Amino acid sequence: AARVELAGPDSPGLVSRVGTLLAAHGLNVSSLDTRVVAALDDDDAPLEPALRRRRTDAARNLDARDATDVFVLTALTTCSRKPDAAALAADVAKLRRDARLDALDVAFEDA
């Protein structure tokens, strides 16, 4: 099982791209949560800048979002066998770069 965490600008098809990447490596999404968050005004927050966020009051369509809004995805996956780590890391890095994401991580639980 692996946990997937993504943060960055939203774009049409982003969830599909993540799902396609995971499926290509034999990972099945068993739980998925997405939300839009906005940057905190507090510069003294203890988290890294990409993670200094708070939940927005309501979901907004792409055209109505503020420039500081960030799309966040968290997913849990299952798999019958652990995928090739180097190939998965390369594909994750490519999607992160191509989609200009602040963060995209796939972390496996120790068995």
N, C-alpha and C. Protein backbone atom coordinates (compact mmCIF):
# COMPACT_ATOMS: atom_id res chain seq x y z
N ALA A 1 0.84 -1.19 0.00
CA ALA A 1 0.00 0.00 0.00
C ALA A 1 0.89 1.25 0.00
N ALA A 2 0.38 2.28 -0.63
CA ALA A 2 1.13 3.54 -0.71
C ALA A 2 0.19 4.71 -0.48
N ARG A 3 0.76 5.79 0.03
CA ARG A 3 0.02 7.04 0.22
C ARG A 3 0.53 8.03 -0.82
N VAL A 4 -0.39 8.70 -1.48
CA VAL A 4 -0.06 9.68 -2.51
C VAL A 4 -0.47 11.05 -2.00
N GLU A 5 0.43 12.01 -2.12
CA GLU A 5 0.14 13.39 -1.72
C GLU A 5 0.59 14.33 -2.82
N LEU A 6 -0.31 15.24 -3.19
CA LEU A 6 -0.04 16.18 -4.26
C LEU A 6 -0.49 17.56 -3.80
N ALA A 7 0.27 18.58 -4.17
CA ALA A 7 -0.12 19.97 -3.93
C ALA A 7 0.41 20.80 -5.09
N GLY A 8 -0.45 21.67 -5.61
CA GLY A 8 -0.02 22.53 -6.71
C GLY A 8 -1.20 23.17 -7.39
N PRO A 9 -0.94 23.84 -8.51
CA PRO A 9 -2.04 24.48 -9.23
C PRO A 9 -2.97 23.44 -9.83
N ASP A 10 -4.25 23.73 -9.81
CA ASP A 10 -5.23 22.82 -10.39
C ASP A 10 -5.23 23.01 -11.90
N SER A 11 -5.56 21.95 -12.59
CA SER A 11 -5.72 22.02 -14.04
C SER A 11 -6.67 20.91 -14.46
N PRO A 12 -7.43 21.13 -15.52
CA PRO A 12 -8.33 20.09 -15.99
C PRO A 12 -7.56 18.81 -16.32
N GLY A 13 -8.06 17.69 -15.85
CA GLY A 13 -7.43 16.40 -16.14
C GLY A 13 -6.34 15.98 -15.18
N LEU A 14 -6.03 16.79 -14.18
CA LEU A 14 -4.93 16.46 -13.27
C LEU A 14 -5.19 15.16 -12.50
N VAL A 15 -6.39 14.99 -11.98
CA VAL A 15 -6.71 13.75 -11.25
C VAL A 15 -6.59 12.55 -12.18
N SER A 16 -7.04 12.70 -13.41
CA SER A 16 -6.92 11.62 -14.39
C SER A 16 -5.46 11.27 -14.67
N ARG A 17 -4.63 12.29 -14.79
CA ARG A 17 -3.20 12.06 -15.04
C ARG A 17 -2.55 11.31 -13.88
N VAL A 18 -2.92 11.67 -12.66
CA VAL A 18 -2.38 10.98 -11.49
C VAL A 18 -2.86 9.53 -11.49
N GLY A 19 -4.15 9.32 -11.74
CA GLY A 19 -4.70 7.97 -11.77
C GLY A 19 -4.05 7.10 -12.85
N THR A 20 -3.83 7.68 -14.01
CA THR A 20 -3.17 6.96 -15.09
C THR A 20 -1.75 6.57 -14.72
N LEU A 21 -1.03 7.48 -14.10
CA LEU A 21 0.34 7.20 -13.65
C LEU A 21 0.34 6.04 -12.65
N LEU A 22 -0.56 6.12 -11.66
CA LEU A 22 -0.60 5.08 -10.63
C LEU A 22 -0.96 3.72 -11.25
N ALA A 23 -1.97 3.70 -12.12
CA ALA A 23 -2.39 2.45 -12.76
C ALA A 23 -1.27 1.85 -13.61
N ALA A 24 -0.49 2.70 -14.27
CA ALA A 24 0.61 2.22 -15.10
C ALA A 24 1.65 1.47 -14.28
N HIS A 25 1.68 1.74 -12.99
CA HIS A 25 2.64 1.08 -12.10
C HIS A 25 1.97 0.03 -11.21
N GLY A 26 0.74 -0.36 -11.57
CA GLY A 26 0.05 -1.43 -10.86
C GLY A 26 -0.57 -1.01 -9.56
N LEU A 27 -0.75 0.28 -9.34
CA LEU A 27 -1.34 0.78 -8.09
C LEU A 27 -2.82 1.06 -8.31
N ASN A 28 -3.65 0.59 -7.40
CA ASN A 28 -5.10 0.78 -7.45
C ASN A 28 -5.50 1.79 -6.38
N VAL A 29 -6.22 2.83 -6.75
CA VAL A 29 -6.67 3.84 -5.80
C VAL A 29 -7.84 3.27 -5.00
N SER A 30 -7.67 3.20 -3.68
CA SER A 30 -8.73 2.69 -2.81
C SER A 30 -9.44 3.81 -2.06
N SER A 31 -8.79 4.96 -1.96
CA SER A 31 -9.38 6.12 -1.29
C SER A 31 -8.76 7.37 -1.90
N LEU A 32 -9.61 8.40 -2.12
CA LEU A 32 -9.13 9.62 -2.76
C LEU A 32 -9.85 10.82 -2.18
N ASP A 33 -9.09 11.85 -1.84
CA ASP A 33 -9.67 13.10 -1.34
C ASP A 33 -9.01 14.24 -2.08
N THR A 34 -9.81 15.19 -2.57
CA THR A 34 -9.28 16.39 -3.20
C THR A 34 -9.95 17.60 -2.58
N ARG A 35 -9.23 18.70 -2.57
CA ARG A 35 -9.78 19.95 -2.05
C ARG A 35 -8.93 21.11 -2.58
N VAL A 36 -9.47 22.30 -2.47
CA VAL A 36 -8.75 23.51 -2.82
C VAL A 36 -8.48 24.26 -1.53
N VAL A 37 -7.26 24.69 -1.35
CA VAL A 37 -6.87 25.42 -0.16
C VAL A 37 -6.22 26.73 -0.58
N ALA A 38 -6.17 27.68 0.34
CA ALA A 38 -5.54 28.97 0.08
C ALA A 38 -4.36 29.15 1.01
N ALA A 39 -3.40 29.94 0.59
CA ALA A 39 -2.21 30.18 1.40
C ALA A 39 -2.59 30.87 2.71
N LEU A 40 -1.90 30.51 3.77
CA LEU A 40 -2.09 31.19 5.05
C LEU A 40 -1.46 32.57 4.99
N ASP A 41 -2.04 33.50 5.71
CA ASP A 41 -1.45 34.84 5.79
C ASP A 41 -0.31 34.89 6.80
N ASP A 42 -0.24 33.90 7.66
CA ASP A 42 0.74 33.86 8.75
C ASP A 42 2.07 33.33 8.25
N ASP A 43 3.06 34.21 8.12
CA ASP A 43 4.39 33.78 7.68
C ASP A 43 5.14 33.01 8.75
N ASP A 44 4.64 33.01 9.98
CA ASP A 44 5.31 32.30 11.07
C ASP A 44 4.83 30.85 11.19
N ALA A 45 4.03 30.38 10.24
CA ALA A 45 3.55 29.00 10.29
C ALA A 45 4.76 28.05 10.25
N PRO A 46 4.72 26.96 11.00
CA PRO A 46 5.86 26.07 11.11
C PRO A 46 6.09 25.17 9.90
N LEU A 47 5.22 25.18 8.90
CA LEU A 47 5.35 24.27 7.77
C LEU A 47 6.12 24.90 6.62
N GLU A 48 6.55 24.06 5.70
CA GLU A 48 7.22 24.53 4.48
C GLU A 48 6.25 25.42 3.69
N PRO A 49 6.76 26.34 2.89
CA PRO A 49 5.88 27.25 2.16
C PRO A 49 4.80 26.55 1.34
N ALA A 50 5.14 25.46 0.66
CA ALA A 50 4.14 24.77 -0.16
C ALA A 50 3.03 24.15 0.67
N LEU A 51 3.29 23.94 1.95
CA LEU A 51 2.30 23.31 2.81
C LEU A 51 1.62 24.29 3.75
N ARG A 52 1.99 25.57 3.69
CA ARG A 52 1.35 26.59 4.53
C ARG A 52 0.01 26.97 3.92
N ARG A 53 -0.98 26.18 4.19
CA ARG A 53 -2.26 26.37 3.55
C ARG A 53 -3.38 26.25 4.57
N ARG A 54 -4.54 26.74 4.20
CA ARG A 54 -5.75 26.54 4.99
C ARG A 54 -6.88 26.23 4.04
N ARG A 55 -7.90 25.58 4.54
CA ARG A 55 -9.03 25.20 3.70
C ARG A 55 -9.80 26.45 3.30
N THR A 56 -10.23 26.51 2.05
CA THR A 56 -11.06 27.62 1.61
C THR A 56 -12.47 27.42 2.13
N ASP A 57 -13.25 28.49 2.18
CA ASP A 57 -14.63 28.40 2.67
C ASP A 57 -15.51 27.58 1.74
N ALA A 58 -15.28 27.65 0.46
CA ALA A 58 -16.11 26.92 -0.50
C ALA A 58 -15.29 26.61 -1.74
N ALA A 59 -15.64 25.54 -2.40
CA ALA A 59 -14.97 25.20 -3.65
C ALA A 59 -15.33 26.25 -4.69
N ARG A 60 -14.38 26.59 -5.51
CA ARG A 60 -14.62 27.57 -6.57
C ARG A 60 -14.19 26.97 -7.90
N ASN A 61 -14.82 27.40 -8.97
CA ASN A 61 -14.39 26.88 -10.26
C ASN A 61 -13.03 27.50 -10.60
N LEU A 62 -12.39 26.95 -11.60
CA LEU A 62 -11.03 27.39 -11.95
C LEU A 62 -10.94 28.89 -12.21
N ASP A 63 -11.93 29.46 -12.86
CA ASP A 63 -11.89 30.89 -13.21
C ASP A 63 -12.05 31.80 -12.00
N ALA A 64 -12.66 31.31 -10.91
CA ALA A 64 -12.94 32.15 -9.75
C ALA A 64 -11.90 32.00 -8.64
N ARG A 65 -10.90 31.17 -8.86
CA ARG A 65 -9.92 30.95 -7.80
C ARG A 65 -8.90 32.07 -7.72
N ASP A 66 -8.39 32.25 -6.53
CA ASP A 66 -7.35 33.23 -6.26
C ASP A 66 -6.01 32.64 -6.72
N ALA A 67 -5.06 33.49 -7.04
CA ALA A 67 -3.74 33.03 -7.48
C ALA A 67 -3.02 32.20 -6.42
N THR A 68 -3.38 32.38 -5.15
CA THR A 68 -2.72 31.62 -4.09
C THR A 68 -3.41 30.29 -3.80
N ASP A 69 -4.57 30.03 -4.41
CA ASP A 69 -5.26 28.76 -4.19
C ASP A 69 -4.41 27.59 -4.68
N VAL A 70 -4.48 26.51 -3.93
CA VAL A 70 -3.70 25.32 -4.26
C VAL A 70 -4.62 24.11 -4.24
N PHE A 71 -4.47 23.25 -5.24
CA PHE A 71 -5.20 22.00 -5.31
C PHE A 71 -4.42 20.95 -4.52
N VAL A 72 -5.11 20.23 -3.65
CA VAL A 72 -4.47 19.20 -2.83
C VAL A 72 -5.18 17.88 -3.07
N LEU A 73 -4.42 16.83 -3.30
CA LEU A 73 -4.94 15.48 -3.49
C LEU A 73 -4.23 14.56 -2.52
N THR A 74 -4.99 13.72 -1.85
CA THR A 74 -4.44 12.68 -0.99
C THR A 74 -5.13 11.38 -1.37
N ALA A 75 -4.36 10.34 -1.57
CA ALA A 75 -4.94 9.05 -1.96
C ALA A 75 -4.22 7.92 -1.26
N LEU A 76 -4.96 6.84 -1.05
CA LEU A 76 -4.39 5.59 -0.57
C LEU A 76 -4.51 4.59 -1.71
N THR A 77 -3.46 3.82 -1.92
CA THR A 77 -3.46 2.84 -3.00
C THR A 77 -3.14 1.46 -2.45
N THR A 78 -3.52 0.46 -3.23
CA THR A 78 -3.16 -0.92 -2.94
C THR A 78 -2.47 -1.48 -4.17
N CYS A 79 -1.72 -2.55 -3.98
CA CYS A 79 -1.07 -3.21 -5.11
C CYS A 79 -0.75 -4.65 -4.73
N SER A 80 -0.72 -5.52 -5.73
CA SER A 80 -0.39 -6.91 -5.47
C SER A 80 1.12 -7.09 -5.31
N ARG A 81 1.88 -6.23 -5.94
CA ARG A 81 3.34 -6.25 -5.76
C ARG A 81 3.86 -4.83 -5.90
N LYS A 82 4.92 -4.55 -5.18
CA LYS A 82 5.50 -3.21 -5.20
C LYS A 82 6.11 -2.92 -6.57
N PRO A 83 5.78 -1.75 -7.15
CA PRO A 83 6.31 -1.43 -8.48
C PRO A 83 7.81 -1.10 -8.43
N ASP A 84 8.40 -1.05 -9.61
CA ASP A 84 9.80 -0.67 -9.75
C ASP A 84 9.98 0.76 -9.25
N ALA A 85 10.75 0.92 -8.19
CA ALA A 85 10.89 2.23 -7.52
C ALA A 85 11.49 3.28 -8.44
N ALA A 86 12.50 2.92 -9.21
CA ALA A 86 13.16 3.91 -10.09
C ALA A 86 12.22 4.37 -11.20
N ALA A 87 11.48 3.46 -11.80
CA ALA A 87 10.55 3.82 -12.88
C ALA A 87 9.42 4.69 -12.34
N LEU A 88 8.89 4.34 -11.17
CA LEU A 88 7.83 5.14 -10.55
C LEU A 88 8.34 6.53 -10.21
N ALA A 89 9.53 6.60 -9.62
CA ALA A 89 10.11 7.90 -9.25
C ALA A 89 10.31 8.78 -10.48
N ALA A 90 10.74 8.20 -11.59
CA ALA A 90 10.96 8.97 -12.81
C ALA A 90 9.63 9.52 -13.34
N ASP A 91 8.59 8.68 -13.34
CA ASP A 91 7.29 9.14 -13.83
C ASP A 91 6.68 10.19 -12.90
N VAL A 92 6.85 10.03 -11.59
CA VAL A 92 6.35 11.01 -10.62
C VAL A 92 7.06 12.35 -10.84
N ALA A 93 8.38 12.30 -11.01
CA ALA A 93 9.15 13.54 -11.23
C ALA A 93 8.72 14.23 -12.52
N LYS A 94 8.44 13.45 -13.57
CA LYS A 94 8.01 14.04 -14.84
C LYS A 94 6.64 14.71 -14.70
N LEU A 95 5.69 14.04 -14.04
CA LEU A 95 4.37 14.65 -13.85
C LEU A 95 4.48 15.89 -12.98
N ARG A 96 5.29 15.82 -11.93
CA ARG A 96 5.46 16.99 -11.05
C ARG A 96 5.99 18.18 -11.84
N ARG A 97 6.97 17.92 -12.67
CA ARG A 97 7.57 18.98 -13.49
C ARG A 97 6.58 19.49 -14.54
N ASP A 98 5.96 18.57 -15.29
CA ASP A 98 5.06 18.95 -16.38
C ASP A 98 3.83 19.71 -15.88
N ALA A 99 3.31 19.32 -14.70
CA ALA A 99 2.11 19.97 -14.14
C ALA A 99 2.47 21.13 -13.22
N ARG A 100 3.76 21.39 -13.05
CA ARG A 100 4.25 22.48 -12.19
C ARG A 100 3.72 22.37 -10.77
N LEU A 101 3.79 21.15 -10.22
CA LEU A 101 3.27 20.89 -8.89
C LEU A 101 4.28 21.30 -7.82
N ASP A 102 3.79 21.77 -6.68
CA ASP A 102 4.66 22.07 -5.54
C ASP A 102 5.17 20.77 -4.92
N ALA A 103 4.31 19.75 -4.91
CA ALA A 103 4.67 18.47 -4.30
C ALA A 103 3.88 17.36 -4.96
N LEU A 104 4.54 16.22 -5.16
CA LEU A 104 3.89 14.98 -5.58
C LEU A 104 4.75 13.86 -5.02
N ASP A 105 4.19 13.09 -4.11
CA ASP A 105 4.95 12.05 -3.44
C ASP A 105 4.13 10.78 -3.37
N VAL A 106 4.77 9.65 -3.63
CA VAL A 106 4.17 8.33 -3.46
C VAL A 106 5.05 7.61 -2.45
N ALA A 107 4.52 7.38 -1.26
CA ALA A 107 5.29 6.77 -0.17
C ALA A 107 4.68 5.43 0.20
N PHE A 108 5.49 4.37 0.14
CA PHE A 108 5.02 3.03 0.47
C PHE A 108 5.16 2.76 1.95
N GLU A 109 4.18 2.04 2.48
CA GLU A 109 4.22 1.61 3.87
C GLU A 109 5.20 0.45 3.96
N ASP A 110 5.90 0.37 5.07
CA ASP A 110 6.79 -0.78 5.29
C ASP A 110 5.94 -1.99 5.57
N ALA A 111 6.26 -3.09 4.89
CA ALA A 111 5.48 -4.33 5.07
C ALA A 111 6.02 -5.16 6.20
